[in-house]
Amino acid sequence: MAINQFLFQWMDKYESKMLPETDARYQVVKRVVGHLSESNKDIPQVSALTWAIHVVDEPEVNAFVLPNGEVFVFTGLLNAVSDIHQLSFILGHEIAHAVLEHAIEKASLVHFLDFLSLIFLTMIWAICPHDILAVVGQRIQSKLQEFIFDRPYSRTLETEADKVGLQFAAKACVDVRASSVFWQRMELVETMKGEPRLPEWLSTHPSHENRAEHLDRLIPEALKIRERCNCPSLSGPDPRLIFRLNRQHLLESYRAQESQNSTNQDLSKTEVDFSHT
């Protein structure tokens, strides 16, 4: 019931922004999801689901899969990936969330923590039955729960989905080396935009840099999975090497452009005083 309600909310919110099935971007997502599911049909949790594709025309870099197989992909994500291999990994990651039933796991954790919270607040009220103290205690308990349990657990689930999603992609003969490149690209975009970076312990997701490093450690095993699945050999240079070679050039070009823009703005603000000439 909760899943259907969540689906209805999303469909209602983005009804006017759903791409038609004839759109080329919709067809790309459908083809990738179909290939991933077909390549992993030996997994009962994958073959049991009927996948439904929804592509939302929004700039947000986001995608998710509901436990019932409803796949939502935002066009912002399609613009953020540089090739079909990166997209395949990201969708493999989201499918992994559904297959591993992470939504159910998180719901179970929430119920358990709510039970502990009730016991904690009851004890506070029994010791000192004052409304103000109860409110303060609830606030403290809520923050402790969020940063000690909720967010670390969410990061753990994301890391697990990265691992399983990479395996899904490997069985689909994807160039799994592209997986870490995606997160390196996201980290570079943040750097160039000067976006503030929160400490990882404040986030529900691992940092882009840590995700890339974690995937790099998993890639050798993923390449072995490709071999066991009789996938074609990967040709051409390693995309990770290409990105590293281009990264510094991209940063320098961006900073030079920013410096030029700043200089132009300063010049435009300069006013010549002719009153004493």
Protein backbone atom coordinates (compact mmCIF):
# COMPACT_ATOMS: atom_id res chain seq x y z
CA MET A 1 0.00 0.00 0.00
CA ALA A 2 2.80 2.41 0.90
CA ILE A 3 4.59 1.66 -2.39
CA ASN A 4 1.44 2.33 -4.43
CA GLN A 5 0.89 5.57 -2.56
CA PHE A 6 4.47 6.65 -3.19
CA LEU A 7 4.11 5.74 -6.88
CA PHE A 8 0.89 7.75 -7.13
CA GLN A 9 2.55 10.78 -5.53
CA TRP A 10 5.43 10.71 -8.00
CA MET A 11 3.19 10.12 -11.00
CA ASP A 12 0.91 12.95 -9.92
CA LYS A 13 3.81 15.33 -9.28
CA TYR A 14 5.55 14.75 -12.61
CA GLU A 15 2.64 13.75 -14.83
CA SER A 16 3.15 16.68 -17.17
CA LYS A 17 6.91 16.09 -17.37
CA MET A 18 6.96 12.40 -18.27
CA LEU A 19 8.64 11.75 -21.60
CA PRO A 20 6.59 9.73 -24.10
CA GLU A 21 7.70 6.22 -25.00
CA THR A 22 8.61 7.47 -28.47
CA ASP A 23 11.26 9.83 -27.08
CA ALA A 24 14.82 8.68 -27.83
CA ARG A 25 15.86 9.19 -24.20
CA TYR A 26 13.04 6.96 -23.00
CA GLN A 27 14.11 4.30 -25.49
CA VAL A 28 17.70 4.42 -24.21
CA VAL A 29 16.61 3.89 -20.61
CA LYS A 30 14.23 1.11 -21.62
CA ARG A 31 16.97 -0.64 -23.57
CA VAL A 32 19.48 -0.40 -20.70
CA VAL A 33 17.01 -1.66 -18.08
CA GLY A 34 15.91 -4.47 -20.38
CA HIS A 35 19.50 -5.53 -21.04
CA LEU A 36 20.37 -5.47 -17.32
CA SER A 37 17.31 -7.51 -16.37
CA GLU A 38 17.82 -10.03 -19.18
CA SER A 39 21.49 -10.48 -18.27
CA ASN A 40 20.61 -11.10 -14.63
CA LYS A 41 17.47 -13.18 -15.06
CA ASP A 42 19.16 -16.06 -13.22
CA ILE A 43 18.57 -14.03 -10.04
CA PRO A 44 15.00 -14.77 -8.84
CA GLN A 45 14.48 -11.28 -7.41
CA VAL A 46 15.30 -9.77 -10.81
CA SER A 47 13.22 -12.13 -12.96
CA ALA A 48 10.25 -11.82 -10.59
CA LEU A 49 9.83 -8.10 -11.24
CA THR A 50 8.11 -6.46 -14.19
CA TRP A 51 10.03 -3.29 -14.95
CA ALA A 52 8.12 -0.11 -15.82
CA ILE A 53 10.06 2.88 -17.13
CA HIS A 54 9.35 6.53 -16.31
CA VAL A 55 11.66 9.26 -17.61
CA VAL A 56 11.09 12.66 -16.00
CA ASP A 57 12.11 15.79 -17.89
CA GLU A 58 13.78 17.52 -14.94
CA PRO A 59 17.39 18.79 -14.52
CA GLU A 60 17.88 16.96 -11.23
CA VAL A 61 20.63 14.32 -11.36
CA ASN A 62 18.57 11.50 -9.93
CA ALA A 63 17.16 8.02 -10.49
CA PHE A 64 15.47 5.46 -8.28
CA VAL A 65 13.66 2.14 -8.51
CA LEU A 66 10.67 1.26 -6.33
CA PRO A 67 10.48 -2.23 -4.81
CA ASN A 68 7.74 -3.16 -7.31
CA GLY A 69 9.99 -2.48 -10.33
CA GLU A 70 8.91 1.07 -11.21
CA VAL A 71 12.01 2.79 -12.60
CA PHE A 72 12.27 6.59 -12.46
CA VAL A 73 15.08 8.37 -14.31
CA PHE A 74 15.50 12.14 -14.55
CA THR A 75 16.87 13.72 -17.70
CA GLY A 76 19.41 15.54 -15.52
CA LEU A 77 21.05 12.16 -14.94
CA LEU A 78 21.02 11.38 -18.66
CA ASN A 79 22.86 14.66 -19.24
CA ALA A 80 25.34 13.90 -16.44
CA VAL A 81 26.55 10.54 -17.78
CA SER A 82 29.07 10.55 -20.60
CA ASP A 83 28.24 7.15 -22.10
CA ILE A 84 25.93 4.15 -21.99
CA HIS A 85 28.31 2.30 -19.66
CA GLN A 86 27.98 4.90 -16.91
CA LEU A 87 24.20 4.91 -17.29
CA SER A 88 24.13 1.10 -17.11
CA PHE A 89 26.06 1.12 -13.85
CA ILE A 90 23.83 3.79 -12.28
CA LEU A 91 20.67 1.91 -13.22
CA GLY A 92 22.27 -1.33 -12.04
CA HIS A 93 22.87 0.39 -8.71
CA GLU A 94 19.22 1.46 -8.47
CA ILE A 95 17.97 -2.00 -9.47
CA ALA A 96 20.21 -3.43 -6.74
CA HIS A 97 18.37 -1.31 -4.15
CA ALA A 98 15.10 -2.94 -5.22
CA VAL A 99 16.49 -6.48 -5.43
CA LEU A 100 18.18 -6.19 -2.02
CA GLU A 101 14.93 -4.81 -0.55
CA HIS A 102 16.72 -1.85 0.98
CA ALA A 103 13.47 0.09 1.37
CA ILE A 104 12.10 -2.69 3.58
CA GLU A 105 15.34 -2.84 5.57
CA LYS A 106 15.24 0.90 6.20
CA ALA A 107 11.58 0.73 7.24
CA SER A 108 12.39 -2.06 9.70
CA LEU A 109 15.22 0.00 11.18
CA VAL A 110 12.94 3.01 11.55
CA HIS A 111 10.32 0.94 13.39
CA PHE A 112 12.97 -0.50 15.72
CA LEU A 113 14.47 2.92 16.46
CA ASP A 114 11.01 4.38 17.05
CA PHE A 115 10.43 1.65 19.62
CA LEU A 116 13.71 2.49 21.37
CA SER A 117 12.80 6.16 21.21
CA LEU A 118 9.50 5.49 22.94
CA ILE A 119 11.30 3.67 25.75
CA PHE A 120 13.84 6.50 26.06
CA LEU A 121 11.20 9.23 26.26
CA THR A 122 9.11 7.21 28.72
CA MET A 123 12.14 6.92 31.01
CA ILE A 124 12.77 10.67 30.81
CA TRP A 125 9.14 11.43 31.61
CA ALA A 126 9.19 9.00 34.54
CA ILE A 127 12.32 10.61 36.01
CA CYS A 128 11.30 14.22 35.42
CA PRO A 129 7.73 14.73 34.18
CA HIS A 130 8.13 18.20 32.66
CA ASP A 131 6.98 19.10 29.16
CA ILE A 132 10.05 21.21 28.35
CA LEU A 133 12.44 18.45 29.36
CA ALA A 134 10.46 15.95 27.32
CA VAL A 135 10.65 18.18 24.23
CA VAL A 136 14.40 18.76 24.67
CA GLY A 137 14.97 15.06 25.26
CA GLN A 138 13.03 14.15 22.13
CA ARG A 139 15.03 16.66 20.09
CA ILE A 140 18.35 15.30 21.34
CA GLN A 141 17.24 11.71 20.83
CA SER A 142 16.10 12.49 17.28
CA LYS A 143 19.45 14.01 16.29
CA LEU A 144 21.43 11.18 17.91
CA GLN A 145 19.32 8.65 16.03
CA GLU A 146 19.82 10.48 12.75
CA PHE A 147 23.61 10.78 12.93
CA ILE A 148 24.48 7.58 14.81
CA PHE A 149 22.05 5.17 13.12
CA ASP A 150 20.05 6.54 10.16
CA ARG A 151 22.74 8.21 8.04
CA PRO A 152 25.53 5.65 8.60
CA TYR A 153 23.08 2.86 7.78
CA SER A 154 21.96 4.69 4.63
CA ARG A 155 25.60 5.03 3.53
CA THR A 156 26.10 1.31 4.12
CA LEU A 157 23.14 0.49 1.88
CA GLU A 158 24.48 2.78 -0.85
CA THR A 159 27.86 1.05 -0.71
CA GLU A 160 26.20 -2.36 -0.92
CA ALA A 161 24.10 -1.25 -3.90
CA ASP A 162 27.26 0.00 -5.64
CA LYS A 163 28.85 -3.43 -5.22
CA VAL A 164 25.84 -5.44 -6.38
CA GLY A 165 24.98 -2.94 -9.13
CA LEU A 166 28.52 -3.28 -10.47
CA GLN A 167 28.08 -7.06 -10.59
CA PHE A 168 24.80 -6.63 -12.48
CA ALA A 169 26.56 -4.35 -14.97
CA ALA A 170 29.45 -6.81 -15.37
CA LYS A 171 27.06 -9.64 -16.25
CA ALA A 172 25.53 -7.33 -18.86
CA CYS A 173 29.01 -6.95 -20.43
CA VAL A 174 29.19 -3.25 -19.53
CA ASP A 175 32.60 -1.57 -19.35
CA VAL A 176 32.62 -1.58 -15.54
CA ARG A 177 35.65 0.73 -15.46
CA ALA A 178 33.27 3.56 -16.35
CA SER A 179 31.54 3.23 -12.97
CA SER A 180 34.22 5.03 -10.98
CA VAL A 181 34.67 7.60 -13.75
CA PHE A 182 31.08 8.74 -13.24
CA TRP A 183 31.69 9.59 -9.59
CA GLN A 184 35.01 11.23 -10.43
CA ARG A 185 33.13 13.39 -12.92
CA MET A 186 30.57 14.31 -10.28
CA GLU A 187 33.36 15.22 -7.87
CA LEU A 188 35.02 17.37 -10.53
CA VAL A 189 31.76 19.20 -11.24
CA GLU A 190 31.42 20.01 -7.53
CA THR A 191 35.00 21.28 -7.46
CA MET A 192 34.54 23.50 -10.51
CA LYS A 193 31.28 24.92 -9.21
CA GLY A 194 32.81 25.55 -5.80
CA GLU A 195 29.96 23.75 -4.10
CA PRO A 196 30.40 23.29 -0.33
CA ARG A 197 31.27 19.75 0.71
CA LEU A 198 29.71 18.41 3.85
CA PRO A 199 31.65 15.91 5.95
CA GLU A 200 30.59 12.42 4.94
CA TRP A 201 29.15 11.68 8.39
CA LEU A 202 26.55 14.38 7.77
CA SER A 203 25.38 12.81 4.50
CA THR A 204 23.10 9.91 3.63
CA HIS A 205 25.48 8.94 0.80
CA PRO A 206 29.23 8.30 0.67
CA SER A 207 31.23 11.14 -0.87
CA HIS A 208 31.79 11.04 -4.63
CA GLU A 209 35.51 10.55 -4.07
CA ASN A 210 35.04 7.62 -1.68
CA ARG A 211 32.53 5.97 -3.99
CA ALA A 212 34.97 6.18 -6.88
CA GLU A 213 37.77 4.69 -4.77
CA HIS A 214 35.51 1.90 -3.51
CA LEU A 215 34.45 1.02 -7.05
CA ASP A 216 38.06 1.01 -8.23
CA ARG A 217 38.76 -1.67 -5.64
CA LEU A 218 35.80 -3.73 -6.90
CA ILE A 219 36.52 -3.39 -10.62
CA PRO A 220 39.12 -6.22 -10.86
CA GLU A 221 36.56 -8.74 -9.58
CA ALA A 222 33.89 -7.25 -11.86
CA LEU A 223 36.21 -7.74 -14.84
CA LYS A 224 36.52 -11.41 -13.90
CA ILE A 225 32.72 -11.67 -13.87
CA ARG A 226 32.70 -10.27 -17.43
CA GLU A 227 35.16 -12.96 -18.48
CA ARG A 228 33.10 -15.74 -16.90
CA CYS A 229 30.06 -14.43 -18.80
CA ASN A 230 32.04 -14.65 -22.08
CA CYS A 231 31.75 -10.92 -22.67
CA PRO A 232 33.77 -9.36 -25.51
CA SER A 233 37.20 -8.10 -24.49
CA LEU A 234 37.38 -4.41 -23.66
CA SER A 235 39.15 -2.47 -26.38
CA GLY A 236 40.71 0.94 -26.23
CA PRO A 237 42.36 2.74 -23.30
CA ASP A 238 41.04 2.58 -19.76
CA PRO A 239 38.43 5.38 -19.35
CA ARG A 240 39.81 6.04 -15.86
CA LEU A 241 43.20 6.88 -17.34
CA ILE A 242 41.65 9.15 -19.95
CA PHE A 243 39.69 11.00 -17.28
CA ARG A 244 42.77 11.47 -15.08
CA LEU A 245 44.71 12.87 -18.03
CA ASN A 246 41.91 15.30 -18.88
CA ARG A 247 40.95 16.26 -15.32
CA GLN A 248 43.75 18.77 -14.71
CA HIS A 249 43.24 20.36 -18.12
CA LEU A 250 39.51 20.75 -17.46
CA LEU A 251 40.16 22.31 -14.05
CA GLU A 252 42.73 24.75 -15.42
CA SER A 253 40.46 25.75 -18.31
CA TYR A 254 37.54 26.31 -15.97
CA ARG A 255 39.61 28.39 -13.53
CA ALA A 256 41.06 30.45 -16.36
CA GLN A 257 37.54 31.14 -17.63
CA GLU A 258 36.37 32.06 -14.13
CA SER A 259 39.34 34.39 -13.70
CA GLN A 260 38.59 36.08 -17.03
CA ASN A 261 34.93 36.50 -16.10
CA SER A 262 35.94 38.01 -12.76
CA THR A 263 38.32 40.46 -14.49
CA ASN A 264 35.62 41.50 -16.96
CA GLN A 265 33.20 42.12 -14.10
CA ASP A 266 35.76 44.27 -12.28
CA LEU A 267 36.44 46.30 -15.43
CA SER A 268 32.74 46.82 -16.04
CA LYS A 269 32.38 48.24 -12.53
CA THR A 270 35.27 50.70 -12.95
CA GLU A 271 34.10 54.27 -13.43
CA VAL A 272 36.41 57.02 -14.68
CA ASP A 273 36.15 60.28 -12.74
CA PHE A 274 36.31 63.20 -15.23
CA SER A 275 35.47 65.88 -12.67
CA HIS A 276 39.11 66.92 -12.18
CA THR A 277 40.23 66.80 -15.81
